[in-house]
């Protein structure tokens, strides 16, 4: 039983410190880091639009034999 006191004594302050420094600020919408800026949002929007355009612009070949060969050597 005496071998459990040290791990429990170390775990309790670590859990309290994690709650106080990490979990509590995030629960109140006060994260330690800043959110993505408007520049990043516009870049993400442009990338999503380009991906959407590329996916709908290309069509896969209908005949599987018309694809180039893959030679695994």
PDB file of N, CA and C in Angstrom:
ATOM      1  N   UNK A   1       0.812  -1.189   0.000  1.00  0.00           N
ATOM      2  CA  UNK A   1       0.000   0.000   0.000  1.00  0.00           C
ATOM      3  C   UNK A   1       0.864   1.266   0.000  1.00  0.00           C
ATOM      4  N   UNK A   2       2.015   1.191   0.673  1.00  0.00           N
ATOM      5  CA  UNK A   2       2.852   2.382   0.773  1.00  0.00           C
ATOM      6  C   UNK A   2       3.504   2.722  -0.565  1.00  0.00           C
ATOM      7  N   UNK A   3       3.557   1.770  -1.499  1.00  0.00           N
ATOM      8  CA  UNK A   3       4.138   2.031  -2.805  1.00  0.00           C
ATOM      9  C   UNK A   3       3.234   2.839  -3.720  1.00  0.00           C
ATOM     10  N   UNK A   4       1.978   3.000  -3.362  1.00  0.00           N
ATOM     11  CA  UNK A   4       1.038   3.760  -4.182  1.00  0.00           C
ATOM     12  C   UNK A   4       1.007   5.250  -3.851  1.00  0.00           C
ATOM     13  N   UNK A   5       1.524   5.637  -2.707  1.00  0.00           N
ATOM     14  CA  UNK A   5       1.423   7.039  -2.295  1.00  0.00           C
ATOM     15  C   UNK A   5       2.213   7.977  -3.186  1.00  0.00           C
ATOM     16  N   UNK A   6       3.397   7.596  -3.562  1.00  0.00           N
ATOM     17  CA  UNK A   6       4.221   8.483  -4.391  1.00  0.00           C
ATOM     18  C   UNK A   6       3.597   8.723  -5.764  1.00  0.00           C
ATOM     19  N   UNK A   7       3.158   7.689  -6.497  1.00  0.00           N
ATOM     20  CA  UNK A   7       2.491   7.967  -7.776  1.00  0.00           C
ATOM     21  C   UNK A   7       1.212   8.796  -7.628  1.00  0.00           C
ATOM     22  N   UNK A   8       0.429   8.525  -6.590  1.00  0.00           N
ATOM     23  CA  UNK A   8      -0.781   9.312  -6.360  1.00  0.00           C
ATOM     24  C   UNK A   8      -0.441  10.756  -5.997  1.00  0.00           C
ATOM     25  N   UNK A   9       0.607  10.930  -5.219  1.00  0.00           N
ATOM     26  CA  UNK A   9       1.021  12.277  -4.829  1.00  0.00           C
ATOM     27  C   UNK A   9       1.552  13.063  -6.028  1.00  0.00           C
ATOM     28  N   UNK A  10       2.118  12.409  -7.008  1.00  0.00           N
ATOM     29  CA  UNK A  10       2.608  13.088  -8.209  1.00  0.00           C
ATOM     30  C   UNK A  10       1.479  13.313  -9.218  1.00  0.00           C
ATOM     31  N   UNK A  11       0.516  12.420  -9.269  1.00  0.00           N
ATOM     32  CA  UNK A  11      -0.567  12.517 -10.239  1.00  0.00           C
ATOM     33  C   UNK A  11      -1.552  13.634  -9.890  1.00  0.00           C
ATOM     34  N   UNK A  12      -1.853  13.806  -8.636  1.00  0.00           N
ATOM     35  CA  UNK A  12      -2.830  14.818  -8.236  1.00  0.00           C
ATOM     36  C   UNK A  12      -2.389  16.236  -8.608  1.00  0.00           C
ATOM     37  N   UNK A  13      -1.167  16.680  -8.303  1.00  0.00           N
ATOM     38  CA  UNK A  13      -0.773  18.031  -8.741  1.00  0.00           C
ATOM     39  C   UNK A  13      -0.684  18.159 -10.264  1.00  0.00           C
ATOM     40  N   UNK A  14      -0.280  17.097 -10.948  1.00  0.00           N
ATOM     41  CA  UNK A  14      -0.208  17.159 -12.413  1.00  0.00           C
ATOM     42  C   UNK A  14      -1.597  17.324 -13.008  1.00  0.00           C
ATOM     43  N   UNK A  15      -2.576  16.622 -12.482  1.00  0.00           N
ATOM     44  CA  UNK A  15      -3.948  16.761 -12.972  1.00  0.00           C
ATOM     45  C   UNK A  15      -4.492  18.153 -12.666  1.00  0.00           C
ATOM     46  N   UNK A  16      -4.199  18.671 -11.481  1.00  0.00           N
ATOM     47  CA  UNK A  16      -4.671  20.010 -11.124  1.00  0.00           C
ATOM     48  C   UNK A  16      -4.024  21.071 -12.007  1.00  0.00           C
ATOM     49  N   UNK A  17      -2.750  20.947 -12.274  1.00  0.00           N
ATOM     50  CA  UNK A  17      -2.052  21.904 -13.124  1.00  0.00           C
ATOM     51  C   UNK A  17      -2.575  21.838 -14.558  1.00  0.00           C
ATOM     52  N   UNK A  18      -2.851  20.644 -15.060  1.00  0.00           N
ATOM     53  CA  UNK A  18      -3.411  20.491 -16.404  1.00  0.00           C
ATOM     54  C   UNK A  18      -4.783  21.138 -16.474  1.00  0.00           C
ATOM     55  N   UNK A  19      -5.596  20.935 -15.459  1.00  0.00           N
ATOM     56  CA  UNK A  19      -6.925  21.548 -15.442  1.00  0.00           C
ATOM     57  C   UNK A  19      -6.817  23.067 -15.427  1.00  0.00           C
ATOM     58  N   UNK A  20      -5.965  23.594 -14.563  1.00  0.00           N
ATOM     59  CA  UNK A  20      -5.876  25.030 -14.389  1.00  0.00           C
ATOM     60  C   UNK A  20      -5.281  25.725 -15.619  1.00  0.00           C
ATOM     61  N   UNK A  21      -4.274  25.126 -16.246  1.00  0.00           N
ATOM     62  CA  UNK A  21      -3.574  25.786 -17.359  1.00  0.00           C
ATOM     63  C   UNK A  21      -4.155  25.475 -18.741  1.00  0.00           C
ATOM     64  N   UNK A  22      -4.789  24.332 -18.917  1.00  0.00           N
ATOM     65  CA  UNK A  22      -5.222  23.921 -20.258  1.00  0.00           C
ATOM     66  C   UNK A  22      -6.732  23.797 -20.398  1.00  0.00           C
ATOM     67  N   UNK A  23      -7.337  22.988 -19.567  1.00  0.00           N
ATOM     68  CA  UNK A  23      -8.749  22.659 -19.739  1.00  0.00           C
ATOM     69  C   UNK A  23      -9.641  23.851 -19.399  1.00  0.00           C
ATOM     70  N   UNK A  24      -9.373  24.531 -18.280  1.00  0.00           N
ATOM     71  CA  UNK A  24     -10.215  25.657 -17.860  1.00  0.00           C
ATOM     72  C   UNK A  24     -10.217  26.800 -18.874  1.00  0.00           C
ATOM     73  N   UNK A  25      -9.058  27.235 -19.406  1.00  0.00           N
ATOM     74  CA  UNK A  25      -9.105  28.304 -20.409  1.00  0.00           C
ATOM     75  C   UNK A  25      -9.846  27.900 -21.687  1.00  0.00           C
ATOM     76  N   UNK A  26      -9.689  26.649 -22.125  1.00  0.00           N
ATOM     77  CA  UNK A  26     -10.381  26.217 -23.339  1.00  0.00           C
ATOM     78  C   UNK A  26     -11.881  26.110 -23.102  1.00  0.00           C
ATOM     79  N   UNK A  27     -12.296  25.758 -21.910  1.00  0.00           N
ATOM     80  CA  UNK A  27     -13.718  25.667 -21.607  1.00  0.00           C
ATOM     81  C   UNK A  27     -14.367  27.041 -21.624  1.00  0.00           C
ATOM     82  N   UNK A  28     -13.595  28.063 -21.366  1.00  0.00           N
ATOM     83  CA  UNK A  28     -14.115  29.434 -21.369  1.00  0.00           C
ATOM     84  C   UNK A  28     -13.823  30.143 -22.687  1.00  0.00           C
ATOM     85  N   UNK A  29     -13.456  29.400 -23.727  1.00  0.00           N
ATOM     86  CA  UNK A  29     -13.118  29.953 -25.044  1.00  0.00           C
ATOM     87  C   UNK A  29     -11.966  30.945 -24.978  1.00  0.00           C
ATOM     88  N   UNK A  30     -11.026  30.668 -24.118  1.00  0.00           N
ATOM     89  CA  UNK A  30      -9.833  31.499 -24.022  1.00  0.00           C
ATOM     90  C   UNK A  30      -8.611  30.617 -24.215  1.00  0.00           C
ATOM     91  N   UNK A  31      -8.457  30.077 -25.377  1.00  0.00           N
ATOM     92  CA  UNK A  31      -7.337  29.181 -25.636  1.00  0.00           C
ATOM     93  C   UNK A  31      -6.028  29.954 -25.529  1.00  0.00           C
ATOM     94  N   UNK A  32      -4.946  29.235 -25.313  1.00  0.00           N
ATOM     95  CA  UNK A  32      -3.636  29.851 -25.147  1.00  0.00           C
ATOM     96  C   UNK A  32      -3.070  30.366 -26.465  1.00  0.00           C
ATOM     97  N   UNK A  33      -3.595  29.924 -27.570  1.00  0.00           N
ATOM     98  CA  UNK A  33      -3.082  30.335 -28.871  1.00  0.00           C
ATOM     99  C   UNK A  33      -4.175  31.087 -29.640  1.00  0.00           C
ATOM    100  N   UNK A  34      -3.738  31.878 -30.583  1.00  0.00           N
ATOM    101  CA  UNK A  34      -4.690  32.648 -31.398  1.00  0.00           C
ATOM    102  C   UNK A  34      -5.314  31.757 -32.461  1.00  0.00           C
ATOM    103  N   UNK A  35      -6.500  32.086 -32.856  1.00  0.00           N
ATOM    104  CA  UNK A  35      -7.198  31.334 -33.904  1.00  0.00           C
ATOM    105  C   UNK A  35      -6.643  31.675 -35.271  1.00  0.00           C
ATOM    106  N   UNK A  36      -7.086  30.967 -36.293  1.00  0.00           N
ATOM    107  CA  UNK A  36      -6.605  31.253 -37.644  1.00  0.00           C
ATOM    108  C   UNK A  36      -7.032  32.642 -38.093  1.00  0.00           C
ATOM    109  N   UNK A  37      -6.111  33.346 -38.713  1.00  0.00           N
ATOM    110  CA  UNK A  37      -6.381  34.707 -39.154  1.00  0.00           C
ATOM    111  C   UNK A  37      -7.174  34.736 -40.441  1.00  0.00           C
ATOM    112  N   UNK A  38      -7.598  35.928 -40.864  1.00  0.00           N
ATOM    113  CA  UNK A  38      -8.398  36.052 -42.091  1.00  0.00           C
ATOM    114  C   UNK A  38      -7.606  35.670 -43.343  1.00  0.00           C
ATOM    115  N   UNK A  39      -6.287  35.846 -43.320  1.00  0.00           N
ATOM    116  CA  UNK A  39      -5.465  35.457 -44.467  1.00  0.00           C
ATOM    117  C   UNK A  39      -5.480  33.953 -44.681  1.00  0.00           C
ATOM    118  N   UNK A  40      -5.377  33.225 -43.586  1.00  0.00           N
ATOM    119  CA  UNK A  40      -5.413  31.767 -43.680  1.00  0.00           C
ATOM    120  C   UNK A  40      -6.780  31.294 -44.138  1.00  0.00           C
ATOM    121  N   UNK A  41      -7.845  31.927 -43.652  1.00  0.00           N
ATOM    122  CA  UNK A  41      -9.188  31.547 -44.056  1.00  0.00           C
ATOM    123  C   UNK A  41      -9.404  31.741 -45.557  1.00  0.00           C
ATOM    124  N   UNK A  42      -8.892  32.838 -46.102  1.00  0.00           N
ATOM    125  CA  UNK A  42      -9.062  33.083 -47.541  1.00  0.00           C
ATOM    126  C   UNK A  42      -8.241  32.088 -48.360  1.00  0.00           C
ATOM    127  N   UNK A  43      -7.044  31.728 -47.873  1.00  0.00           N
ATOM    128  CA  UNK A  43      -6.240  30.722 -48.581  1.00  0.00           C
ATOM    129  C   UNK A  43      -6.924  29.362 -48.556  1.00  0.00           C
ATOM    130  N   UNK A  44      -7.497  28.991 -47.412  1.00  0.00           N
ATOM    131  CA  UNK A  44      -8.210  27.715 -47.318  1.00  0.00           C
ATOM    132  C   UNK A  44      -9.425  27.700 -48.240  1.00  0.00           C
ATOM    133  N   UNK A  45     -10.159  28.796 -48.298  1.00  0.00           N
ATOM    134  CA  UNK A  45     -11.331  28.882 -49.177  1.00  0.00           C
ATOM    135  C   UNK A  45     -10.916  28.735 -50.634  1.00  0.00           C
ATOM    136  N   UNK A  46      -9.818  29.409 -51.028  1.00  0.00           N
ATOM    137  CA  UNK A  46      -9.348  29.317 -52.408  1.00  0.00           C
ATOM    138  C   UNK A  46      -8.887  27.898 -52.737  1.00  0.00           C
ATOM    139  N   UNK A  47      -8.215  27.243 -51.801  1.00  0.00           N
ATOM    140  CA  UNK A  47      -7.756  25.874 -52.035  1.00  0.00           C
ATOM    141  C   UNK A  47      -8.934  24.917 -52.163  1.00  0.00           C
ATOM    142  N   UNK A  48      -9.965  25.106 -51.330  1.00  0.00           N
ATOM    143  CA  UNK A  48     -11.153  24.246 -51.430  1.00  0.00           C
ATOM    144  C   UNK A  48     -11.875  24.442 -52.752  1.00  0.00           C
ATOM    145  N   UNK A  49     -11.967  25.700 -53.203  1.00  0.00           N
ATOM    146  CA  UNK A  49     -12.615  25.966 -54.494  1.00  0.00           C
ATOM    147  C   UNK A  49     -11.829  25.334 -55.637  1.00  0.00           C
ATOM    148  N   UNK A  50     -10.505  25.423 -55.575  1.00  0.00           N
ATOM    149  CA  UNK A  50      -9.692  24.821 -56.624  1.00  0.00           C
ATOM    150  C   UNK A  50      -9.829  23.302 -56.624  1.00  0.00           C
ATOM    151  N   UNK A  51      -9.835  22.697 -55.436  1.00  0.00           N
ATOM    152  CA  UNK A  51     -10.007  21.254 -55.343  1.00  0.00           C
ATOM    153  C   UNK A  51     -11.369  20.835 -55.888  1.00  0.00           C
ATOM    154  N   UNK A  52     -12.395  21.568 -55.552  1.00  0.00           N
ATOM    155  CA  UNK A  52     -13.736  21.272 -56.058  1.00  0.00           C
ATOM    156  C   UNK A  52     -13.761  21.379 -57.587  1.00  0.00           C
ATOM    157  N   UNK A  53     -13.138  22.426 -58.125  1.00  0.00           N
ATOM    158  CA  UNK A  53     -13.100  22.623 -59.577  1.00  0.00           C
ATOM    159  C   UNK A  53     -12.326  21.494 -60.254  1.00  0.00           C
ATOM    160  N   UNK A  54     -11.193  21.096 -59.675  1.00  0.00           N
ATOM    161  CA  UNK A  54     -10.390  20.029 -60.276  1.00  0.00           C
ATOM    162  C   UNK A  54     -11.115  18.687 -60.239  1.00  0.00           C
ATOM    163  N   UNK A  55     -11.827  18.417 -59.159  1.00  0.00           N
ATOM    164  CA  UNK A  55     -12.548  17.144 -59.054  1.00  0.00           C
ATOM    165  C   UNK A  55     -13.678  17.052 -60.070  1.00  0.00           C
ATOM    166  N   UNK A  56     -14.337  18.149 -60.349  1.00  0.00           N
ATOM    167  CA  UNK A  56     -15.463  18.121 -61.276  1.00  0.00           C
ATOM    168  C   UNK A  56     -15.047  18.364 -62.716  1.00  0.00           C
ATOM    169  N   UNK A  57     -13.844  18.820 -62.923  1.00  0.00           N
ATOM    170  CA  UNK A  57     -13.372  19.129 -64.272  1.00  0.00           C
ATOM    171  C   UNK A  57     -12.820  17.891 -64.976  1.00  0.00           C
ATOM    172  N   UNK A  58     -12.219  17.002 -64.240  1.00  0.00           N
ATOM    173  CA  UNK A  58     -11.619  15.814 -64.839  1.00  0.00           C
ATOM    174  C   UNK A  58     -12.566  14.633 -64.704  1.00  0.00           C
ATOM    175  N   UNK A  59     -12.527  13.757 -65.678  1.00  0.00           N
ATOM    176  CA  UNK A  59     -13.326  12.538 -65.622  1.00  0.00           C
ATOM    177  C   UNK A  59     -12.386  11.351 -65.748  1.00  0.00           C
ATOM    178  N   UNK A  60     -12.631  10.303 -65.012  1.00  0.00           N
ATOM    179  CA  UNK A  60     -11.767   9.128 -65.106  1.00  0.00           C
ATOM    180  C   UNK A  60     -11.994   8.392 -66.423  1.00  0.00           C
ATOM    181  N   UNK A  61     -10.989   7.695 -66.920  1.00  0.00           N
ATOM    182  CA  UNK A  61     -11.178   6.948 -68.161  1.00  0.00           C
ATOM    183  C   UNK A  61     -12.205   5.837 -67.967  1.00  0.00           C
ATOM    184  N   UNK A  62     -13.009   5.606 -68.989  1.00  0.00           N
ATOM    185  CA  UNK A  62     -14.046   4.583 -68.891  1.00  0.00           C
ATOM    186  C   UNK A  62     -13.493   3.194 -69.172  1.00  0.00           C
ATOM    187  N   UNK A  63     -12.468   3.100 -70.015  1.00  0.00           N
ATOM    188  CA  UNK A  63     -11.889   1.808 -70.367  1.00  0.00           C
ATOM    189  C   UNK A  63     -10.621   1.589 -69.542  1.00  0.00           C
ATOM    190  N   UNK A  64     -10.581   0.544 -68.700  1.00  0.00           N
ATOM    191  CA  UNK A  64      -9.395   0.338 -67.869  1.00  0.00           C
ATOM    192  C   UNK A  64      -8.145  -0.025 -68.682  1.00  0.00           C
ATOM    193  N   UNK A  65      -8.299  -0.468 -69.917  1.00  0.00           N
ATOM    194  CA  UNK A  65      -7.128  -0.830 -70.709  1.00  0.00           C
ATOM    195  C   UNK A  65      -6.450   0.395 -71.319  1.00  0.00           C
ATOM    196  N   UNK A  66      -7.100   1.543 -71.298  1.00  0.00           N
ATOM    197  CA  UNK A  66      -6.499   2.729 -71.896  1.00  0.00           C
ATOM    198  C   UNK A  66      -5.542   3.432 -70.941  1.00  0.00           C
ATOM    199  N   UNK A  67      -5.442   2.943 -69.718  1.00  0.00           N
ATOM    200  CA  UNK A  67      -4.520   3.530 -68.753  1.00  0.00           C
ATOM    201  C   UNK A  67      -3.093   3.065 -69.044  1.00  0.00           C
ATOM    202  N   UNK A  68      -2.111   3.859 -68.682  1.00  0.00           N
ATOM    203  CA  UNK A  68      -0.730   3.415 -68.877  1.00  0.00           C
ATOM    204  C   UNK A  68      -0.421   2.231 -67.973  1.00  0.00           C
ATOM    205  N   UNK A  69       0.505   1.422 -68.427  1.00  0.00           N
ATOM    206  CA  UNK A  69       0.861   0.244 -67.660  1.00  0.00           C
ATOM    207  C   UNK A  69       1.672   0.616 -66.443  1.00  0.00           C
ATOM    208  N   UNK A  70       1.497  -0.141 -65.407  1.00  0.00           N
ATOM    209  CA  UNK A  70       2.296  -0.014 -64.194  1.00  0.00           C
ATOM    210  C   UNK A  70       3.205  -1.237 -64.138  1.00  0.00           C
ATOM    211  N   UNK A  71       4.479  -1.018 -64.205  1.00  0.00           N
ATOM    212  CA  UNK A  71       5.411  -2.130 -64.138  1.00  0.00           C
ATOM    213  C   UNK A  71       6.120  -2.087 -62.803  1.00  0.00           C
ATOM    214  N   UNK A  72       5.846  -3.061 -61.977  1.00  0.00           N
ATOM    215  CA  UNK A  72       6.527  -3.159 -60.695  1.00  0.00           C
ATOM    216  C   UNK A  72       7.735  -4.063 -60.864  1.00  0.00           C
ATOM    217  N   UNK A  73       8.872  -3.488 -60.741  1.00  0.00           N
ATOM    218  CA  UNK A  73      10.107  -4.271 -60.905  1.00  0.00           C
ATOM    219  C   UNK A  73      10.914  -4.244 -59.654  1.00  0.00           C
TER     220      UNK A  73
END
